[in-house]
Protein backbone atom coordinates (compact mmCIF):
# COMPACT_ATOMS: atom_id res chain seq x y z
CA UNK A 1 -1.21 -3.55 -2.55
CA UNK A 2 -1.49 -0.37 -4.53
CA UNK A 3 0.90 2.62 -4.07
CA UNK A 4 -0.72 5.97 -4.78
CA UNK A 5 1.19 9.01 -5.33
CA UNK A 6 -0.84 12.22 -4.88
CA UNK A 7 -0.51 14.98 -7.40
CA UNK A 8 0.08 17.43 -4.75
CA UNK A 9 1.19 17.55 -1.10
CA UNK A 10 -2.19 18.99 0.01
CA UNK A 11 -3.73 15.54 -0.77
CA UNK A 12 -1.53 13.72 1.55
CA UNK A 13 -3.72 15.09 4.37
CA UNK A 14 -6.70 12.96 3.33
CA UNK A 15 -6.99 9.99 5.86
CA UNK A 16 -5.96 6.63 4.29
CA UNK A 17 -9.35 5.00 5.41
CA UNK A 18 -11.33 7.87 3.71
CA UNK A 19 -9.25 7.59 0.77
CA UNK A 20 -9.57 3.79 0.50
CA UNK A 21 -13.40 4.03 0.97
CA UNK A 22 -13.48 6.49 -2.04
CA UNK A 23 -11.09 4.34 -4.20
CA UNK A 24 -12.68 1.07 -3.80
CA UNK A 25 -15.93 1.52 -5.90
CA UNK A 26 -13.78 2.98 -8.78
CA UNK A 27 -11.48 0.01 -8.66
CA UNK A 28 -14.46 -2.41 -8.57
CA UNK A 29 -15.68 -0.94 -11.80
CA UNK A 30 -12.47 -1.12 -13.55
CA UNK A 31 -10.65 -4.25 -12.38
CA UNK A 32 -11.55 -7.90 -12.46
CA UNK A 33 -12.64 -9.39 -9.02
CA UNK A 34 -9.49 -11.35 -8.99
CA UNK A 35 -7.45 -8.29 -9.00
CA UNK A 36 -9.27 -6.24 -6.24
CA UNK A 37 -6.90 -4.24 -4.07
CA UNK A 38 -7.09 -5.02 -0.40
CA UNK A 39 -4.46 -2.26 0.76
CA UNK A 40 -3.62 1.33 -0.22
CA UNK A 41 -0.46 3.09 0.64
CA UNK A 42 0.15 6.68 -0.04
CA UNK A 43 3.81 7.61 -0.76
CA UNK A 44 5.38 10.78 -1.82
CA UNK A 45 7.11 9.31 -4.97
CA UNK A 46 7.80 5.97 -6.61
CA UNK A 47 11.42 4.77 -6.54
CA UNK A 48 12.81 5.08 -10.05
CA UNK A 49 15.85 3.85 -11.87
CA UNK A 50 18.37 6.14 -13.74
CA UNK A 51 16.33 5.37 -16.90
CA UNK A 52 12.97 6.57 -15.10
CA UNK A 53 11.53 3.15 -14.77
CA UNK A 54 9.60 2.17 -11.64
CA UNK A 55 11.66 -0.04 -9.31
CA UNK A 56 9.01 -2.84 -8.68
CA UNK A 57 11.51 -4.76 -6.77
CA UNK A 58 12.04 -2.04 -4.21
CA UNK A 59 8.36 -1.61 -3.67
CA UNK A 60 8.04 -5.44 -3.28
CA UNK A 61 10.78 -5.67 -0.77
CA UNK A 62 9.65 -2.87 1.38
CA UNK A 63 5.99 -4.55 1.30
CA UNK A 64 7.44 -7.91 2.28
CA UNK A 65 9.68 -6.32 5.07
CA UNK A 66 6.47 -4.49 6.69
CA UNK A 67 4.41 -7.61 6.49
CA UNK A 68 7.03 -9.79 8.05
CA UNK A 69 7.29 -7.09 10.85
CA UNK A 70 3.41 -7.16 11.27
CA UNK A 71 3.39 -10.91 11.41
CA UNK A 72 6.02 -10.91 14.04
CA UNK A 73 4.31 -8.35 16.20
CA UNK A 74 0.93 -10.27 15.99
CA UNK A 75 2.72 -13.60 16.92
CA UNK A 76 4.43 -11.95 19.98
CA UNK A 77 1.02 -10.70 21.11
CA UNK A 78 -0.50 -14.22 20.66
CA UNK A 79 2.36 -15.73 22.63
CA UNK A 80 1.84 -13.18 25.33
CA UNK A 81 -1.81 -14.14 25.68
CA UNK A 82 -0.83 -17.75 26.28
């Protein structure tokens, strides 16, 4: 998962799919194949501590919460089909 903070609010208008398509080739050149990014999320700002450090735990918790919600929804859809 990559969190991207645009430099200006105008850049938030770009569709995520288009942004991801444009970003993937750049990342392939720079990153080892083991570290390829599968998801990109645009956010307004990164959560920071009082000492201006990025709160990675907060980002991780939000990601896991969203992933669990998606898994529950897909599980409910599978059960409905049965």
